[in-house]
N, C-alpha and C. Protein backbone atom coordinates (compact mmCIF):
# COMPACT_ATOMS: atom_id res chain seq x y z
N MET A 1 86.96 2.61 12.50
CA MET A 1 85.66 2.14 12.95
C MET A 1 84.56 3.13 12.53
N LYS A 2 84.79 4.42 12.80
CA LYS A 2 83.78 5.42 12.44
C LYS A 2 83.57 5.47 10.94
N THR A 3 84.65 5.36 10.17
CA THR A 3 84.54 5.42 8.72
C THR A 3 83.71 4.25 8.20
N GLY A 4 83.96 3.05 8.71
CA GLY A 4 83.18 1.88 8.30
C GLY A 4 81.71 2.03 8.63
N PHE A 5 81.43 2.60 9.79
CA PHE A 5 80.04 2.81 10.20
C PHE A 5 79.35 3.79 9.26
N ARG A 6 80.06 4.88 8.90
CA ARG A 6 79.48 5.87 7.98
C ARG A 6 79.19 5.25 6.62
N VAL A 7 80.11 4.44 6.12
CA VAL A 7 79.91 3.79 4.83
C VAL A 7 78.72 2.85 4.90
N SER A 8 78.59 2.11 6.00
CA SER A 8 77.47 1.19 6.17
C SER A 8 76.15 1.95 6.20
N CYS A 9 76.11 3.06 6.93
CA CYS A 9 74.89 3.87 7.00
C CYS A 9 74.54 4.45 5.63
N ALA A 10 75.55 4.94 4.91
CA ALA A 10 75.30 5.50 3.59
C ALA A 10 74.74 4.43 2.66
N GLY A 11 75.29 3.21 2.74
CA GLY A 11 74.79 2.11 1.92
C GLY A 11 73.36 1.76 2.26
N LEU A 12 73.04 1.74 3.56
CA LEU A 12 71.68 1.44 4.01
C LEU A 12 70.70 2.49 3.51
N VAL A 13 71.09 3.77 3.62
CA VAL A 13 70.23 4.85 3.15
C VAL A 13 69.99 4.71 1.65
N ALA A 14 71.03 4.39 0.88
CA ALA A 14 70.88 4.23 -0.57
C ALA A 14 69.93 3.09 -0.89
N ILE A 15 70.03 1.98 -0.16
CA ILE A 15 69.13 0.85 -0.38
C ILE A 15 67.69 1.23 -0.07
N VAL A 16 67.47 1.90 1.07
CA VAL A 16 66.12 2.30 1.46
C VAL A 16 65.53 3.26 0.44
N LEU A 17 66.31 4.25 0.00
CA LEU A 17 65.80 5.24 -0.95
C LEU A 17 65.48 4.61 -2.30
N THR A 18 66.28 3.65 -2.75
CA THR A 18 65.98 3.04 -4.04
C THR A 18 64.79 2.09 -3.95
N ALA A 19 64.52 1.59 -2.75
CA ALA A 19 63.38 0.68 -2.58
C ALA A 19 62.06 1.42 -2.47
N MET A 20 62.12 2.73 -2.14
CA MET A 20 60.89 3.51 -1.96
C MET A 20 60.30 3.87 -3.33
N PRO A 21 58.97 3.80 -3.46
CA PRO A 21 58.37 4.19 -4.73
C PRO A 21 58.50 5.70 -4.93
N ALA A 22 58.63 6.10 -6.16
CA ALA A 22 58.74 7.53 -6.47
C ALA A 22 57.41 8.20 -6.22
N ALA A 23 57.47 9.40 -5.67
CA ALA A 23 56.26 10.18 -5.42
C ALA A 23 56.06 11.11 -6.60
N ALA A 24 55.51 10.60 -7.65
CA ALA A 24 55.33 11.36 -8.87
C ALA A 24 54.31 12.48 -8.66
N LYS A 25 54.66 13.64 -9.18
CA LYS A 25 53.75 14.77 -9.11
C LYS A 25 52.90 14.75 -10.36
N GLU A 26 51.61 14.66 -10.17
CA GLU A 26 50.67 14.59 -11.29
C GLU A 26 49.96 15.94 -11.39
N CYS A 27 49.99 16.55 -12.57
CA CYS A 27 49.37 17.87 -12.75
C CYS A 27 48.35 17.83 -13.88
N LYS A 28 47.33 18.65 -13.75
CA LYS A 28 46.31 18.81 -14.79
C LYS A 28 46.86 19.70 -15.90
N ASP A 29 46.33 19.53 -17.10
CA ASP A 29 46.77 20.34 -18.24
C ASP A 29 46.19 21.75 -18.20
N GLN A 30 44.95 21.86 -17.71
CA GLN A 30 44.25 23.14 -17.72
C GLN A 30 44.42 23.89 -16.41
N SER A 31 44.62 25.18 -16.49
CA SER A 31 44.69 26.03 -15.30
C SER A 31 43.30 26.29 -14.74
N VAL A 32 43.26 26.55 -13.46
CA VAL A 32 42.02 26.93 -12.78
C VAL A 32 42.23 28.33 -12.22
N SER A 33 41.24 29.20 -12.42
CA SER A 33 41.29 30.56 -11.89
C SER A 33 40.14 30.79 -10.95
N ALA A 34 40.40 31.59 -9.94
CA ALA A 34 39.35 31.96 -8.99
C ALA A 34 39.67 33.32 -8.41
N THR A 35 38.64 34.11 -8.17
CA THR A 35 38.79 35.46 -7.65
C THR A 35 38.11 35.57 -6.29
N SER A 36 38.77 36.29 -5.40
CA SER A 36 38.21 36.50 -4.07
C SER A 36 37.04 37.46 -4.13
N ASP A 37 36.27 37.50 -3.05
CA ASP A 37 35.28 38.56 -2.89
C ASP A 37 36.04 39.87 -2.69
N ALA A 38 35.35 40.98 -2.71
CA ALA A 38 35.98 42.29 -2.48
C ALA A 38 36.13 42.53 -0.99
N TYR A 39 37.33 42.93 -0.57
CA TYR A 39 37.64 43.19 0.84
C TYR A 39 38.30 44.56 0.98
N LEU A 40 38.20 45.12 2.16
CA LEU A 40 38.87 46.38 2.44
C LEU A 40 40.38 46.21 2.51
N SER A 41 40.84 45.02 2.85
CA SER A 41 42.26 44.76 3.00
C SER A 41 42.74 43.75 1.96
N ARG A 42 43.90 44.02 1.37
CA ARG A 42 44.49 43.07 0.44
C ARG A 42 45.03 41.87 1.22
N SER A 43 45.82 42.12 2.26
CA SER A 43 46.48 41.05 3.01
C SER A 43 45.54 40.27 3.90
N LEU A 44 44.64 40.96 4.56
CA LEU A 44 43.66 40.29 5.43
C LEU A 44 42.31 40.36 4.74
N GLY A 45 42.09 39.45 3.84
CA GLY A 45 40.82 39.41 3.13
C GLY A 45 41.00 38.91 1.72
N ALA A 46 41.40 39.78 0.80
CA ALA A 46 41.45 39.42 -0.61
C ALA A 46 42.50 38.36 -0.92
N PHE A 47 43.71 38.50 -0.36
CA PHE A 47 44.77 37.54 -0.67
C PHE A 47 44.43 36.14 -0.16
N PRO A 48 44.13 35.97 1.14
CA PRO A 48 43.74 34.63 1.58
C PRO A 48 42.37 34.20 1.04
N GLY A 49 41.52 35.16 0.73
CA GLY A 49 40.22 34.83 0.14
C GLY A 49 40.38 34.19 -1.23
N SER A 50 41.39 34.63 -1.98
CA SER A 50 41.63 34.04 -3.29
C SER A 50 42.15 32.61 -3.14
N TRP A 51 42.88 32.33 -2.07
CA TRP A 51 43.34 30.97 -1.79
C TRP A 51 42.12 30.06 -1.55
N ALA A 52 41.21 30.52 -0.71
CA ALA A 52 40.01 29.73 -0.41
C ALA A 52 39.16 29.54 -1.67
N ALA A 53 39.02 30.59 -2.47
CA ALA A 53 38.21 30.50 -3.69
C ALA A 53 38.85 29.54 -4.70
N TRP A 54 40.19 29.59 -4.83
CA TRP A 54 40.89 28.70 -5.75
C TRP A 54 40.73 27.24 -5.32
N ARG A 55 40.90 26.97 -4.03
CA ARG A 55 40.74 25.61 -3.51
C ARG A 55 39.33 25.08 -3.79
N LYS A 56 38.33 25.93 -3.56
CA LYS A 56 36.94 25.51 -3.78
C LYS A 56 36.70 25.22 -5.26
N GLU A 57 37.19 26.08 -6.12
CA GLU A 57 37.02 25.90 -7.57
C GLU A 57 37.72 24.62 -8.05
N VAL A 58 38.92 24.36 -7.55
CA VAL A 58 39.64 23.15 -7.93
C VAL A 58 38.88 21.92 -7.47
N LYS A 59 38.37 21.95 -6.25
CA LYS A 59 37.63 20.79 -5.73
C LYS A 59 36.39 20.52 -6.59
N GLU A 60 35.68 21.58 -6.99
CA GLU A 60 34.48 21.41 -7.81
C GLU A 60 34.81 20.89 -9.21
N ARG A 61 35.90 21.39 -9.80
CA ARG A 61 36.24 21.01 -11.18
C ARG A 61 37.01 19.70 -11.28
N VAL A 62 37.93 19.47 -10.34
CA VAL A 62 38.86 18.36 -10.46
C VAL A 62 38.64 17.28 -9.41
N GLY A 63 38.23 17.68 -8.21
CA GLY A 63 38.01 16.73 -7.13
C GLY A 63 39.00 16.90 -5.99
N ASP A 64 38.84 16.08 -4.95
CA ASP A 64 39.71 16.13 -3.78
C ASP A 64 41.12 15.71 -4.11
N GLY A 65 42.06 16.24 -3.34
CA GLY A 65 43.46 15.86 -3.47
C GLY A 65 44.26 16.75 -4.40
N TRP A 66 43.61 17.68 -5.07
CA TRP A 66 44.29 18.55 -6.04
C TRP A 66 44.39 20.00 -5.56
N GLN A 67 43.89 20.32 -4.36
CA GLN A 67 43.71 21.71 -3.95
C GLN A 67 44.92 22.38 -3.31
N ALA A 68 46.05 21.72 -3.18
CA ALA A 68 47.20 22.34 -2.50
C ALA A 68 47.86 23.37 -3.41
N TRP A 69 47.74 24.62 -3.03
CA TRP A 69 48.33 25.72 -3.80
C TRP A 69 49.84 25.54 -3.90
N ARG A 70 50.49 25.08 -2.84
CA ARG A 70 51.94 24.92 -2.84
C ARG A 70 52.42 23.89 -3.87
N ARG A 71 51.58 22.95 -4.23
CA ARG A 71 51.99 21.94 -5.21
C ARG A 71 51.60 22.33 -6.63
N ALA A 72 50.77 23.34 -6.79
CA ALA A 72 50.28 23.73 -8.12
C ALA A 72 51.43 24.25 -8.99
N GLU A 73 51.27 24.13 -10.29
CA GLU A 73 52.25 24.61 -11.26
C GLU A 73 51.74 25.88 -11.93
N ASP A 74 52.67 26.66 -12.46
CA ASP A 74 52.34 27.90 -13.19
C ASP A 74 51.48 28.84 -12.34
N ARG A 75 51.82 28.97 -11.07
CA ARG A 75 51.03 29.78 -10.15
C ARG A 75 51.16 31.27 -10.47
N ASP A 76 50.04 31.97 -10.36
CA ASP A 76 50.03 33.41 -10.58
C ASP A 76 48.95 34.03 -9.69
N ILE A 77 49.29 35.14 -9.05
CA ILE A 77 48.33 35.86 -8.21
C ILE A 77 48.36 37.33 -8.63
N LYS A 78 47.20 37.85 -8.95
CA LYS A 78 47.08 39.26 -9.31
C LYS A 78 46.05 39.90 -8.40
N CYS A 79 46.42 40.99 -7.75
CA CYS A 79 45.51 41.71 -6.87
C CYS A 79 45.27 43.11 -7.43
N GLU A 80 44.02 43.56 -7.32
CA GLU A 80 43.64 44.87 -7.83
C GLU A 80 42.77 45.60 -6.81
N GLU A 81 42.90 46.91 -6.81
CA GLU A 81 42.07 47.73 -5.94
C GLU A 81 41.12 48.54 -6.82
N ALA A 82 39.86 48.55 -6.41
CA ALA A 82 38.86 49.35 -7.12
C ALA A 82 37.87 49.88 -6.09
N ALA A 83 37.66 51.16 -6.10
CA ALA A 83 36.71 51.81 -5.20
C ALA A 83 37.02 51.49 -3.73
N GLY A 84 38.32 51.43 -3.40
CA GLY A 84 38.72 51.20 -2.01
C GLY A 84 38.61 49.77 -1.54
N LYS A 85 38.32 48.85 -2.46
CA LYS A 85 38.22 47.43 -2.08
C LYS A 85 39.16 46.61 -2.95
N TRP A 86 39.66 45.53 -2.36
CA TRP A 86 40.63 44.67 -3.03
C TRP A 86 40.02 43.34 -3.43
N THR A 87 40.44 42.86 -4.60
CA THR A 87 40.17 41.49 -5.02
C THR A 87 41.49 40.90 -5.52
N CYS A 88 41.65 39.60 -5.35
CA CYS A 88 42.82 38.91 -5.87
C CYS A 88 42.35 37.71 -6.67
N THR A 89 43.03 37.44 -7.77
CA THR A 89 42.73 36.30 -8.61
C THR A 89 43.94 35.37 -8.64
N ARG A 90 43.70 34.10 -8.37
CA ARG A 90 44.75 33.07 -8.44
C ARG A 90 44.48 32.19 -9.65
N THR A 91 45.56 31.88 -10.36
CA THR A 91 45.48 30.99 -11.50
C THR A 91 46.65 30.01 -11.41
N ALA A 92 46.35 28.72 -11.58
CA ALA A 92 47.40 27.71 -11.55
C ALA A 92 46.86 26.39 -12.07
N ARG A 93 47.79 25.51 -12.45
CA ARG A 93 47.43 24.15 -12.84
C ARG A 93 47.47 23.28 -11.58
N PRO A 94 46.35 22.68 -11.19
CA PRO A 94 46.32 21.85 -9.99
C PRO A 94 47.20 20.61 -10.14
N CYS A 95 47.89 20.27 -9.05
CA CYS A 95 48.75 19.08 -9.02
C CYS A 95 48.50 18.33 -7.73
N LYS A 96 48.87 17.05 -7.76
CA LYS A 96 48.84 16.32 -6.50
C LYS A 96 50.07 15.44 -6.44
N ASN A 97 50.51 15.23 -5.23
CA ASN A 97 51.68 14.42 -4.96
C ASN A 97 51.22 12.98 -4.81
N GLY A 98 51.94 12.06 -5.39
CA GLY A 98 51.57 10.66 -5.34
C GLY A 98 51.48 10.08 -3.94
N LEU A 99 52.17 10.68 -2.95
CA LEU A 99 52.14 10.16 -1.60
C LEU A 99 50.96 10.66 -0.79
N SER A 100 50.35 11.75 -1.18
CA SER A 100 49.29 12.35 -0.39
C SER A 100 47.94 12.08 -1.04
N THR A 101 47.01 11.51 -0.27
CA THR A 101 45.70 11.24 -0.84
C THR A 101 44.57 11.95 -0.12
N SER A 102 44.87 12.59 1.00
CA SER A 102 43.80 13.30 1.71
C SER A 102 44.37 14.50 2.44
N ASN A 103 43.49 15.35 2.92
CA ASN A 103 43.91 16.51 3.68
C ASN A 103 44.54 16.07 4.99
N PRO A 104 45.60 16.73 5.44
CA PRO A 104 46.27 16.33 6.68
C PRO A 104 45.57 16.90 7.90
N GLY A 105 44.34 16.55 8.13
CA GLY A 105 43.64 17.11 9.27
C GLY A 105 42.88 16.09 10.06
N GLY A 106 43.41 14.91 10.20
CA GLY A 106 42.68 13.89 10.92
C GLY A 106 41.66 13.26 10.00
N ASN A 107 40.46 13.80 10.00
CA ASN A 107 39.41 13.23 9.14
C ASN A 107 39.42 13.82 7.73
N GLY A 108 40.35 14.72 7.45
CA GLY A 108 40.46 15.27 6.10
C GLY A 108 39.45 16.35 5.79
N ASN A 109 38.66 16.78 6.77
CA ASN A 109 37.62 17.76 6.52
C ASN A 109 37.75 18.92 7.49
N ILE A 110 38.02 20.10 6.99
CA ILE A 110 38.08 21.26 7.87
C ILE A 110 36.86 22.16 7.66
N GLY A 111 35.88 21.67 6.99
CA GLY A 111 34.70 22.49 6.72
C GLY A 111 34.98 23.39 5.53
N THR A 112 34.44 24.58 5.55
CA THR A 112 34.69 25.50 4.45
C THR A 112 35.98 26.24 4.73
N TYR A 113 36.67 26.65 3.67
CA TYR A 113 37.91 27.38 3.81
C TYR A 113 37.58 28.85 3.93
N GLN A 114 37.62 29.34 5.13
CA GLN A 114 37.29 30.73 5.39
C GLN A 114 38.51 31.60 5.18
N PRO A 115 38.40 32.67 4.39
CA PRO A 115 39.54 33.57 4.29
C PRO A 115 39.83 34.18 5.65
N ILE A 116 41.09 34.35 5.95
CA ILE A 116 41.48 34.94 7.22
C ILE A 116 41.46 36.45 7.04
N ASP A 117 40.46 37.10 7.61
CA ASP A 117 40.30 38.53 7.42
C ASP A 117 40.46 39.32 8.71
N GLN A 118 41.12 38.69 9.67
CA GLN A 118 41.43 39.38 10.93
C GLN A 118 42.74 38.81 11.45
N ILE A 119 43.34 39.48 12.40
CA ILE A 119 44.56 38.97 13.02
C ILE A 119 44.14 37.91 14.02
N LEU A 120 44.66 36.68 13.80
CA LEU A 120 44.31 35.57 14.67
C LEU A 120 45.37 35.44 15.76
N ARG A 121 44.90 35.17 16.99
CA ARG A 121 45.82 35.03 18.13
C ARG A 121 45.30 33.97 19.07
N ARG A 122 46.17 33.59 19.98
CA ARG A 122 45.84 32.54 20.95
C ARG A 122 44.54 32.88 21.69
N GLY A 123 43.70 31.86 21.86
CA GLY A 123 42.42 32.02 22.54
C GLY A 123 41.24 32.14 21.60
N MET A 124 41.52 32.40 20.31
CA MET A 124 40.43 32.52 19.34
C MET A 124 40.00 31.13 18.88
N GLU A 125 38.77 31.04 18.37
CA GLU A 125 38.21 29.79 17.88
C GLU A 125 37.42 30.05 16.60
N GLY A 126 37.23 29.00 15.81
CA GLY A 126 36.34 29.12 14.65
C GLY A 126 36.95 28.63 13.36
N GLU A 127 36.21 28.87 12.28
CA GLU A 127 36.59 28.38 10.96
C GLU A 127 37.87 29.04 10.44
N GLN A 128 38.08 30.32 10.75
CA GLN A 128 39.31 30.97 10.30
C GLN A 128 40.53 30.35 10.99
N VAL A 129 40.38 29.96 12.24
CA VAL A 129 41.46 29.28 12.96
C VAL A 129 41.72 27.92 12.31
N LYS A 130 40.64 27.22 11.92
CA LYS A 130 40.81 25.94 11.22
C LYS A 130 41.59 26.14 9.92
N THR A 131 41.28 27.20 9.20
CA THR A 131 42.01 27.49 7.97
C THR A 131 43.48 27.72 8.27
N LEU A 132 43.77 28.51 9.30
CA LEU A 132 45.16 28.74 9.71
C LEU A 132 45.85 27.42 10.05
N GLN A 133 45.18 26.58 10.81
CA GLN A 133 45.77 25.30 11.20
C GLN A 133 46.01 24.42 9.97
N TYR A 134 45.07 24.42 9.03
CA TYR A 134 45.28 23.65 7.82
C TYR A 134 46.47 24.17 7.03
N LEU A 135 46.59 25.48 6.92
CA LEU A 135 47.73 26.07 6.20
C LEU A 135 49.05 25.68 6.87
N LEU A 136 49.07 25.70 8.19
CA LEU A 136 50.28 25.29 8.90
C LEU A 136 50.59 23.82 8.63
N ARG A 137 49.57 22.97 8.63
CA ARG A 137 49.77 21.55 8.33
C ARG A 137 50.29 21.37 6.91
N GLU A 138 49.68 22.09 5.97
CA GLU A 138 50.10 21.99 4.57
C GLU A 138 51.55 22.45 4.40
N ALA A 139 51.99 23.39 5.24
CA ALA A 139 53.37 23.88 5.19
C ALA A 139 54.34 22.97 5.94
N GLY A 140 53.83 21.90 6.54
CA GLY A 140 54.71 20.93 7.19
C GLY A 140 54.84 21.04 8.69
N TYR A 141 53.96 21.78 9.34
CA TYR A 141 54.02 21.95 10.79
C TYR A 141 52.95 21.08 11.45
N ASP A 142 53.32 20.45 12.54
CA ASP A 142 52.44 19.50 13.21
C ASP A 142 51.47 20.25 14.13
N VAL A 143 50.24 20.35 13.70
CA VAL A 143 49.21 21.02 14.48
C VAL A 143 47.87 20.33 14.22
N GLN A 144 47.07 20.21 15.25
CA GLN A 144 45.76 19.59 15.11
C GLN A 144 44.78 20.62 14.54
N ILE A 145 43.93 20.17 13.63
CA ILE A 145 42.94 21.06 13.02
C ILE A 145 41.64 20.90 13.80
N ASP A 146 41.48 21.77 14.80
CA ASP A 146 40.30 21.68 15.67
C ASP A 146 39.58 23.01 15.83
N GLY A 147 40.11 24.08 15.22
CA GLY A 147 39.47 25.38 15.32
C GLY A 147 39.75 26.12 16.61
N ASP A 148 40.64 25.60 17.45
CA ASP A 148 40.98 26.22 18.73
C ASP A 148 42.43 26.69 18.67
N PHE A 149 42.64 27.99 18.71
CA PHE A 149 43.98 28.56 18.65
C PHE A 149 44.59 28.47 20.05
N GLY A 150 45.13 27.31 20.35
CA GLY A 150 45.74 27.06 21.64
C GLY A 150 47.25 27.10 21.58
N ARG A 151 47.87 26.52 22.58
CA ARG A 151 49.32 26.55 22.71
C ARG A 151 50.03 25.88 21.53
N SER A 152 49.55 24.71 21.09
CA SER A 152 50.24 24.01 20.01
C SER A 152 50.15 24.78 18.69
N THR A 153 49.02 25.43 18.43
CA THR A 153 48.89 26.24 17.23
C THR A 153 49.83 27.43 17.31
N GLU A 154 49.89 28.07 18.46
CA GLU A 154 50.79 29.20 18.64
C GLU A 154 52.24 28.79 18.44
N GLN A 155 52.64 27.64 18.99
CA GLN A 155 54.02 27.17 18.84
C GLN A 155 54.35 26.86 17.38
N ALA A 156 53.41 26.23 16.67
CA ALA A 156 53.63 25.94 15.25
C ALA A 156 53.74 27.23 14.45
N LEU A 157 52.89 28.21 14.77
CA LEU A 157 52.92 29.49 14.08
C LEU A 157 54.23 30.23 14.33
N ILE A 158 54.71 30.21 15.56
CA ILE A 158 55.99 30.85 15.89
C ILE A 158 57.13 30.18 15.12
N LYS A 159 57.11 28.86 15.04
CA LYS A 159 58.14 28.15 14.29
C LYS A 159 58.06 28.53 12.81
N PHE A 160 56.84 28.59 12.26
CA PHE A 160 56.68 29.02 10.86
C PHE A 160 57.24 30.42 10.66
N GLN A 161 56.92 31.35 11.58
CA GLN A 161 57.41 32.72 11.45
C GLN A 161 58.93 32.76 11.49
N ARG A 162 59.53 32.03 12.41
CA ARG A 162 61.01 31.98 12.49
C ARG A 162 61.59 31.41 11.20
N ASP A 163 61.05 30.28 10.75
CA ASP A 163 61.57 29.61 9.55
C ASP A 163 61.45 30.48 8.31
N ASN A 164 60.46 31.37 8.28
CA ASN A 164 60.22 32.21 7.11
C ASN A 164 60.66 33.66 7.30
N LYS A 165 61.42 33.90 8.39
CA LYS A 165 61.98 35.22 8.67
C LYS A 165 60.92 36.33 8.70
N ILE A 166 59.81 35.98 9.36
CA ILE A 166 58.71 36.93 9.57
C ILE A 166 58.80 37.33 11.03
N SER A 167 58.44 38.56 11.34
CA SER A 167 58.44 39.02 12.72
C SER A 167 57.70 38.02 13.60
N VAL A 168 58.38 37.51 14.62
CA VAL A 168 57.83 36.45 15.47
C VAL A 168 56.99 37.07 16.58
N ASP A 169 55.67 36.85 16.50
CA ASP A 169 54.78 37.35 17.55
C ASP A 169 53.69 36.33 17.90
N GLY A 170 53.66 35.19 17.21
CA GLY A 170 52.66 34.17 17.50
C GLY A 170 51.26 34.54 17.07
N ARG A 171 51.13 35.57 16.25
CA ARG A 171 49.83 36.00 15.72
C ARG A 171 49.83 35.86 14.21
N ALA A 172 48.70 35.50 13.66
CA ALA A 172 48.57 35.38 12.21
C ALA A 172 48.07 36.70 11.65
N GLY A 173 49.00 37.58 11.37
CA GLY A 173 48.69 38.88 10.78
C GLY A 173 48.90 38.84 9.27
N PRO A 174 48.85 40.00 8.62
CA PRO A 174 48.92 40.06 7.15
C PRO A 174 50.14 39.38 6.54
N ARG A 175 51.35 39.65 7.06
CA ARG A 175 52.56 39.05 6.46
C ARG A 175 52.58 37.54 6.64
N THR A 176 52.15 37.08 7.81
CA THR A 176 52.15 35.64 8.08
C THR A 176 51.12 34.94 7.19
N VAL A 177 49.94 35.49 7.08
CA VAL A 177 48.89 34.89 6.25
C VAL A 177 49.33 34.88 4.79
N GLU A 178 49.94 35.96 4.34
CA GLU A 178 50.40 36.00 2.96
C GLU A 178 51.46 34.94 2.71
N ALA A 179 52.38 34.76 3.64
CA ALA A 179 53.41 33.72 3.49
C ALA A 179 52.79 32.33 3.47
N LEU A 180 51.78 32.10 4.28
CA LEU A 180 51.13 30.79 4.35
C LEU A 180 50.31 30.49 3.09
N THR A 181 49.77 31.49 2.45
CA THR A 181 48.90 31.27 1.31
C THR A 181 49.59 31.51 -0.02
N SER A 182 50.89 31.77 -0.01
CA SER A 182 51.64 31.97 -1.26
C SER A 182 52.13 30.66 -1.82
């Protein structure tokens, strides 16, 4: 009985998967480069700042739906220190997934992408928190993008930290931000 049930389920899954349209990944031929502003910190400032700069540059050159760094091809990040300040440059070919047509944030608009240049923790509010929430959503964690670092944001962040073997503290510090923006 159990064997027949498993075979039936496997057959059903195969039918459903073959009936689903393929989610083709569409990529641009030309790479887009963007450099962060100069920051005192590489991890809290320049690294996430380059993510925000790259997203903005892609949106201006290519349009909406192409800004996900995680889907980009030929990704490269170079960070340099000069006169005690850090800048990072990201270069990649923008891509979009055929299934995704808008930002996963309710209305698709999180405002400007603010680089996370401080350690974010529960109780904080603002554009940097919105950026954190968007990054968590882009990484596959269910969190509302409202700019309020509440319980659900903290829980999603803790799950992200566990899943990525980062020290679990529920705070968005340098290692967590770097993992989210890589």
